[in-house]
Amino acid sequence: QVQLVESGGGLVQPGGSLRLSCAASGSIFRINAMGWYRQAPGNQRELVARITSDGSTNYADSAKGRFTISSDNAKNTVYLQMNSLKPEDTAVYYCNADVRRTSWFNFVYNYWGQGTQVTVSS
């Protein structure tokens, strides 16, 4: 199995910054991609940002210019630096990973973390 553990959420004022971290552990041969999604009350879960093992990134329009996703492949960890936060960024943020667990079985599993709350409010 694979576990994803998020950290770094909290309460921040509008215009402030937060840095989320997500560490993957367990039966991992290679992580193909990791990403951050968020879900606000009453809304569907949506992509925030995603990064592949070769460093390619993509962002939701709402995150472009304010959020930066990065990863440390040696630590199986992904980060999300969030700047200029707005009240509409308030949500539970979930880490997601596409993981290949063995070298001999070319199947990619998808995992989710438990989520970390981000609240932007004055």
N, C-alpha and C. Protein backbone atom coordinates (compact mmCIF):
# COMPACT_ATOMS: atom_id res chain seq x y z
N GLN A 1 0.83 -1.19 0.00
CA GLN A 1 0.00 0.00 0.00
C GLN A 1 0.87 1.25 0.00
N VAL A 2 0.23 2.37 -0.30
CA VAL A 2 0.90 3.66 -0.32
C VAL A 2 0.10 4.64 0.52
N GLN A 3 0.80 5.43 1.31
CA GLN A 3 0.15 6.44 2.14
C GLN A 3 0.64 7.83 1.70
N LEU A 4 -0.30 8.75 1.68
CA LEU A 4 0.01 10.15 1.40
C LEU A 4 -0.37 10.96 2.63
N VAL A 5 0.58 11.71 3.16
CA VAL A 5 0.34 12.49 4.36
C VAL A 5 0.58 13.97 4.05
N GLU A 6 -0.50 14.74 4.18
CA GLU A 6 -0.42 16.18 3.91
C GLU A 6 -0.15 16.96 5.20
N SER A 7 0.44 18.12 5.04
CA SER A 7 0.65 19.02 6.17
C SER A 7 0.73 20.44 5.64
N GLY A 8 0.57 21.41 6.54
CA GLY A 8 0.77 22.81 6.18
C GLY A 8 -0.48 23.64 6.05
N GLY A 9 -1.65 23.03 6.19
CA GLY A 9 -2.87 23.81 6.12
C GLY A 9 -3.05 24.68 7.35
N GLY A 10 -4.08 25.52 7.31
CA GLY A 10 -4.35 26.37 8.45
C GLY A 10 -5.19 27.56 8.08
N LEU A 11 -5.22 28.51 9.00
CA LEU A 11 -5.97 29.75 8.83
C LEU A 11 -5.01 30.87 8.44
N VAL A 12 -5.35 31.60 7.41
CA VAL A 12 -4.50 32.70 6.94
C VAL A 12 -5.39 33.85 6.49
N GLN A 13 -4.88 35.05 6.63
CA GLN A 13 -5.63 36.22 6.19
C GLN A 13 -5.54 36.38 4.68
N PRO A 14 -6.52 37.03 4.09
CA PRO A 14 -6.45 37.31 2.64
C PRO A 14 -5.15 38.03 2.29
N GLY A 15 -4.53 37.59 1.21
CA GLY A 15 -3.25 38.13 0.80
C GLY A 15 -2.07 37.39 1.37
N GLY A 16 -2.33 36.50 2.30
CA GLY A 16 -1.25 35.75 2.94
C GLY A 16 -0.79 34.56 2.13
N SER A 17 0.12 33.80 2.73
CA SER A 17 0.72 32.64 2.05
C SER A 17 0.68 31.42 2.95
N LEU A 18 0.65 30.27 2.30
CA LEU A 18 0.78 28.98 2.97
C LEU A 18 1.57 28.05 2.06
N ARG A 19 2.25 27.10 2.68
CA ARG A 19 2.95 26.08 1.92
C ARG A 19 2.46 24.71 2.38
N LEU A 20 1.88 23.97 1.46
CA LEU A 20 1.43 22.61 1.74
C LEU A 20 2.50 21.61 1.33
N SER A 21 2.58 20.53 2.11
CA SER A 21 3.50 19.44 1.78
C SER A 21 2.73 18.14 1.78
N CYS A 22 3.19 17.22 0.96
CA CYS A 22 2.59 15.88 0.91
C CYS A 22 3.71 14.88 0.69
N ALA A 23 3.85 13.97 1.65
CA ALA A 23 4.88 12.94 1.56
C ALA A 23 4.24 11.59 1.30
N ALA A 24 4.76 10.89 0.31
CA ALA A 24 4.28 9.55 -0.03
C ALA A 24 5.23 8.51 0.55
N SER A 25 4.64 7.44 1.07
CA SER A 25 5.45 6.35 1.63
C SER A 25 4.76 5.03 1.38
N GLY A 26 5.54 3.95 1.50
CA GLY A 26 4.99 2.61 1.33
C GLY A 26 5.62 1.91 0.14
N SER A 27 4.82 1.10 -0.54
CA SER A 27 5.32 0.28 -1.65
C SER A 27 5.39 1.11 -2.92
N ILE A 28 6.51 1.80 -3.10
CA ILE A 28 6.67 2.72 -4.23
C ILE A 28 7.88 2.32 -5.06
N PHE A 29 7.66 2.03 -6.34
CA PHE A 29 8.77 1.86 -7.28
C PHE A 29 9.07 3.18 -7.95
N ARG A 30 8.01 3.82 -8.42
CA ARG A 30 8.17 5.13 -9.05
C ARG A 30 6.86 5.90 -8.95
N ILE A 31 6.96 7.19 -8.71
CA ILE A 31 5.78 8.06 -8.75
C ILE A 31 5.78 8.77 -10.09
N ASN A 32 4.73 8.56 -10.86
CA ASN A 32 4.65 9.17 -12.18
C ASN A 32 4.22 10.63 -12.11
N ALA A 33 3.35 10.93 -11.18
CA ALA A 33 2.85 12.30 -11.05
C ALA A 33 2.24 12.48 -9.67
N MET A 34 2.28 13.72 -9.19
CA MET A 34 1.61 14.08 -7.94
C MET A 34 0.89 15.40 -8.16
N GLY A 35 -0.16 15.58 -7.40
CA GLY A 35 -0.92 16.81 -7.60
C GLY A 35 -1.70 17.19 -6.37
N TRP A 36 -2.28 18.37 -6.45
CA TRP A 36 -3.14 18.91 -5.41
C TRP A 36 -4.52 19.20 -6.00
N TYR A 37 -5.51 18.77 -5.27
CA TYR A 37 -6.90 19.06 -5.61
C TYR A 37 -7.51 19.74 -4.40
N ARG A 38 -8.66 20.39 -4.60
CA ARG A 38 -9.35 21.00 -3.47
C ARG A 38 -10.86 20.83 -3.63
N GLN A 39 -11.50 20.86 -2.47
CA GLN A 39 -12.96 20.74 -2.46
C GLN A 39 -13.51 21.67 -1.40
N ALA A 40 -14.31 22.61 -1.86
CA ALA A 40 -15.01 23.53 -0.96
C ALA A 40 -16.40 22.97 -0.68
N PRO A 41 -17.00 23.35 0.43
CA PRO A 41 -18.34 22.84 0.75
C PRO A 41 -19.33 23.10 -0.38
N GLY A 42 -20.04 22.04 -0.77
CA GLY A 42 -21.03 22.15 -1.82
C GLY A 42 -20.48 22.11 -3.23
N ASN A 43 -19.16 22.01 -3.34
CA ASN A 43 -18.53 21.99 -4.67
C ASN A 43 -17.89 20.63 -4.94
N GLN A 44 -17.65 20.38 -6.21
CA GLN A 44 -16.92 19.17 -6.58
C GLN A 44 -15.43 19.36 -6.34
N ARG A 45 -14.74 18.25 -6.18
CA ARG A 45 -13.29 18.31 -6.06
C ARG A 45 -12.70 18.75 -7.40
N GLU A 46 -11.74 19.66 -7.34
CA GLU A 46 -11.18 20.21 -8.57
C GLU A 46 -9.64 20.22 -8.51
N LEU A 47 -9.04 20.10 -9.67
CA LEU A 47 -7.59 20.15 -9.76
C LEU A 47 -7.10 21.56 -9.45
N VAL A 48 -6.03 21.63 -8.65
CA VAL A 48 -5.34 22.89 -8.40
C VAL A 48 -4.05 22.94 -9.22
N ALA A 49 -3.22 21.92 -9.05
CA ALA A 49 -1.95 21.87 -9.77
C ALA A 49 -1.45 20.43 -9.77
N ARG A 50 -0.64 20.12 -10.77
CA ARG A 50 -0.14 18.76 -10.92
C ARG A 50 1.27 18.84 -11.50
N ILE A 51 2.13 17.89 -11.08
CA ILE A 51 3.50 17.85 -11.57
C ILE A 51 3.88 16.41 -11.88
N THR A 52 4.52 16.19 -13.01
CA THR A 52 4.96 14.85 -13.39
C THR A 52 6.39 14.61 -12.92
N SER A 53 6.83 13.38 -13.05
CA SER A 53 8.16 13.02 -12.58
C SER A 53 9.27 13.73 -13.35
N ASP A 54 8.97 14.19 -14.56
CA ASP A 54 9.99 14.92 -15.33
C ASP A 54 9.88 16.42 -15.14
N GLY A 55 9.00 16.84 -14.22
CA GLY A 55 8.90 18.25 -13.87
C GLY A 55 7.86 19.05 -14.63
N SER A 56 7.12 18.43 -15.52
CA SER A 56 6.07 19.15 -16.23
C SER A 56 4.94 19.48 -15.27
N THR A 57 4.41 20.69 -15.40
CA THR A 57 3.36 21.13 -14.49
C THR A 57 2.14 21.62 -15.26
N ASN A 58 1.01 21.54 -14.60
CA ASN A 58 -0.18 22.22 -15.10
C ASN A 58 -0.98 22.75 -13.92
N TYR A 59 -1.65 23.86 -14.15
CA TYR A 59 -2.36 24.57 -13.10
C TYR A 59 -3.79 24.89 -13.53
N ALA A 60 -4.66 24.93 -12.54
CA ALA A 60 -5.98 25.48 -12.79
C ALA A 60 -5.82 26.98 -13.05
N ASP A 61 -6.74 27.53 -13.82
CA ASP A 61 -6.66 28.97 -14.13
C ASP A 61 -6.65 29.80 -12.85
N SER A 62 -7.38 29.35 -11.84
CA SER A 62 -7.48 30.09 -10.59
C SER A 62 -6.17 30.10 -9.81
N ALA A 63 -5.28 29.16 -10.13
CA ALA A 63 -4.01 29.05 -9.41
C ALA A 63 -2.84 29.69 -10.15
N LYS A 64 -3.00 29.91 -11.43
CA LYS A 64 -1.89 30.44 -12.22
C LYS A 64 -1.45 31.82 -11.71
N GLY A 65 -0.15 31.96 -11.55
CA GLY A 65 0.40 33.24 -11.10
C GLY A 65 0.43 33.42 -9.60
N ARG A 66 -0.28 32.56 -8.88
CA ARG A 66 -0.32 32.69 -7.41
C ARG A 66 0.25 31.45 -6.72
N PHE A 67 0.02 30.27 -7.29
CA PHE A 67 0.46 29.02 -6.68
C PHE A 67 1.60 28.41 -7.48
N THR A 68 2.49 27.74 -6.77
CA THR A 68 3.59 27.04 -7.43
C THR A 68 3.70 25.63 -6.86
N ILE A 69 3.67 24.65 -7.75
CA ILE A 69 3.85 23.26 -7.34
C ILE A 69 5.29 22.85 -7.62
N SER A 70 5.86 22.09 -6.70
CA SER A 70 7.21 21.58 -6.87
C SER A 70 7.31 20.22 -6.20
N SER A 71 8.38 19.51 -6.50
CA SER A 71 8.52 18.18 -5.92
C SER A 71 9.97 17.87 -5.62
N ASP A 72 10.14 16.97 -4.69
CA ASP A 72 11.46 16.41 -4.37
C ASP A 72 11.33 14.91 -4.61
N ASN A 73 11.78 14.47 -5.78
CA ASN A 73 11.59 13.07 -6.15
C ASN A 73 12.31 12.11 -5.20
N ALA A 74 13.44 12.53 -4.69
CA ALA A 74 14.19 11.67 -3.78
C ALA A 74 13.43 11.42 -2.48
N LYS A 75 12.58 12.38 -2.10
CA LYS A 75 11.80 12.26 -0.86
C LYS A 75 10.34 11.89 -1.13
N ASN A 76 10.00 11.67 -2.39
CA ASN A 76 8.60 11.35 -2.75
C ASN A 76 7.65 12.38 -2.14
N THR A 77 8.00 13.63 -2.26
CA THR A 77 7.25 14.70 -1.63
C THR A 77 6.90 15.77 -2.66
N VAL A 78 5.69 16.29 -2.53
CA VAL A 78 5.24 17.38 -3.39
C VAL A 78 4.84 18.55 -2.50
N TYR A 79 5.07 19.75 -3.01
CA TYR A 79 4.77 20.97 -2.27
C TYR A 79 3.84 21.86 -3.09
N LEU A 80 3.08 22.66 -2.39
CA LEU A 80 2.27 23.67 -3.05
C LEU A 80 2.46 24.98 -2.30
N GLN A 81 3.15 25.91 -2.93
CA GLN A 81 3.32 27.24 -2.35
C GLN A 81 2.17 28.10 -2.84
N MET A 82 1.41 28.60 -1.89
CA MET A 82 0.22 29.39 -2.23
C MET A 82 0.42 30.81 -1.72
N ASN A 83 0.43 31.75 -2.64
CA ASN A 83 0.59 33.16 -2.32
C ASN A 83 -0.66 33.94 -2.71
N SER A 84 -0.76 35.14 -2.19
CA SER A 84 -1.91 36.02 -2.50
C SER A 84 -3.23 35.28 -2.33
N LEU A 85 -3.37 34.61 -1.22
CA LEU A 85 -4.56 33.80 -0.99
C LEU A 85 -5.80 34.65 -0.88
N LYS A 86 -6.91 34.08 -1.38
CA LYS A 86 -8.20 34.74 -1.40
C LYS A 86 -9.20 33.91 -0.61
N PRO A 87 -10.27 34.53 -0.12
CA PRO A 87 -11.29 33.75 0.60
C PRO A 87 -11.83 32.59 -0.23
N GLU A 88 -11.91 32.77 -1.54
CA GLU A 88 -12.41 31.68 -2.39
C GLU A 88 -11.44 30.51 -2.51
N ASP A 89 -10.24 30.64 -1.97
CA ASP A 89 -9.31 29.51 -1.94
C ASP A 89 -9.59 28.59 -0.74
N THR A 90 -10.51 28.99 0.11
CA THR A 90 -10.87 28.18 1.27
C THR A 90 -11.44 26.85 0.81
N ALA A 91 -10.84 25.77 1.30
CA ALA A 91 -11.25 24.42 0.89
C ALA A 91 -10.41 23.40 1.65
N VAL A 92 -10.81 22.15 1.52
CA VAL A 92 -9.93 21.05 1.94
C VAL A 92 -9.05 20.71 0.74
N TYR A 93 -7.77 20.69 0.95
CA TYR A 93 -6.81 20.41 -0.11
C TYR A 93 -6.33 18.97 0.02
N TYR A 94 -6.42 18.25 -1.08
CA TYR A 94 -6.07 16.83 -1.10
C TYR A 94 -4.86 16.60 -2.00
N CYS A 95 -3.97 15.76 -1.53
CA CYS A 95 -2.83 15.31 -2.32
C CYS A 95 -3.24 14.07 -3.10
N ASN A 96 -2.71 13.96 -4.30
CA ASN A 96 -3.02 12.82 -5.17
C ASN A 96 -1.74 12.35 -5.84
N ALA A 97 -1.63 11.04 -6.03
CA ALA A 97 -0.41 10.52 -6.66
C ALA A 97 -0.72 9.34 -7.55
N ASP A 98 -0.03 9.28 -8.68
CA ASP A 98 -0.04 8.13 -9.58
C ASP A 98 1.24 7.36 -9.33
N VAL A 99 1.09 6.12 -8.82
CA VAL A 99 2.24 5.38 -8.32
C VAL A 99 2.36 4.04 -9.03
N ARG A 100 3.56 3.76 -9.48
CA ARG A 100 3.89 2.40 -9.94
C ARG A 100 4.56 1.70 -8.76
N ARG A 101 4.02 0.58 -8.34
CA ARG A 101 4.47 -0.04 -7.10
C ARG A 101 5.58 -1.05 -7.27
N THR A 102 5.72 -1.62 -8.48
CA THR A 102 6.78 -2.61 -8.70
C THR A 102 7.44 -2.37 -10.05
N SER A 103 8.62 -2.94 -10.22
CA SER A 103 9.33 -2.79 -11.49
C SER A 103 8.84 -3.78 -12.54
N TRP A 104 8.17 -4.86 -12.11
CA TRP A 104 7.80 -5.90 -13.05
C TRP A 104 6.33 -5.83 -13.46
N PHE A 105 5.53 -5.03 -12.77
CA PHE A 105 4.11 -4.92 -13.09
C PHE A 105 3.82 -3.48 -13.48
N ASN A 106 3.60 -3.28 -14.77
CA ASN A 106 3.44 -1.93 -15.28
C ASN A 106 2.00 -1.46 -15.13
N PHE A 107 1.60 -1.27 -13.89
CA PHE A 107 0.28 -0.76 -13.60
C PHE A 107 0.43 0.41 -12.66
N VAL A 108 -0.33 1.47 -12.91
CA VAL A 108 -0.24 2.67 -12.10
C VAL A 108 -1.46 2.77 -11.20
N TYR A 109 -1.20 2.87 -9.93
CA TYR A 109 -2.26 3.03 -8.94
C TYR A 109 -2.43 4.51 -8.64
N ASN A 110 -3.64 4.88 -8.27
CA ASN A 110 -3.93 6.26 -7.90
C ASN A 110 -4.32 6.33 -6.43
N TYR A 111 -3.69 7.25 -5.70
CA TYR A 111 -3.92 7.36 -4.26
C TYR A 111 -4.29 8.79 -3.89
N TRP A 112 -5.04 8.89 -2.78
CA TRP A 112 -5.43 10.18 -2.22
C TRP A 112 -4.97 10.29 -0.77
N GLY A 113 -4.63 11.50 -0.38
CA GLY A 113 -4.39 11.77 1.03
C GLY A 113 -5.70 12.07 1.74
N GLN A 114 -5.60 12.31 3.04
CA GLN A 114 -6.79 12.55 3.86
C GLN A 114 -7.29 13.99 3.75
N GLY A 115 -6.44 14.87 3.28
CA GLY A 115 -6.84 16.26 3.12
C GLY A 115 -6.36 17.14 4.26
N THR A 116 -6.14 18.41 3.94
CA THR A 116 -5.77 19.40 4.94
C THR A 116 -6.58 20.68 4.68
N GLN A 117 -7.12 21.22 5.75
CA GLN A 117 -8.02 22.37 5.62
C GLN A 117 -7.21 23.65 5.43
N VAL A 118 -7.61 24.43 4.45
CA VAL A 118 -7.07 25.78 4.25
C VAL A 118 -8.23 26.76 4.35
N THR A 119 -8.10 27.70 5.27
CA THR A 119 -9.14 28.70 5.47
C THR A 119 -8.53 30.08 5.31
N VAL A 120 -9.10 30.86 4.40
CA VAL A 120 -8.62 32.22 4.15
C VAL A 120 -9.71 33.18 4.62
N SER A 121 -9.41 33.87 5.69
CA SER A 121 -10.42 34.73 6.29
C SER A 121 -9.75 35.78 7.16
N SER A 122 -10.39 36.94 7.22
CA SER A 122 -9.88 38.00 8.10
C SER A 122 -10.58 37.94 9.45
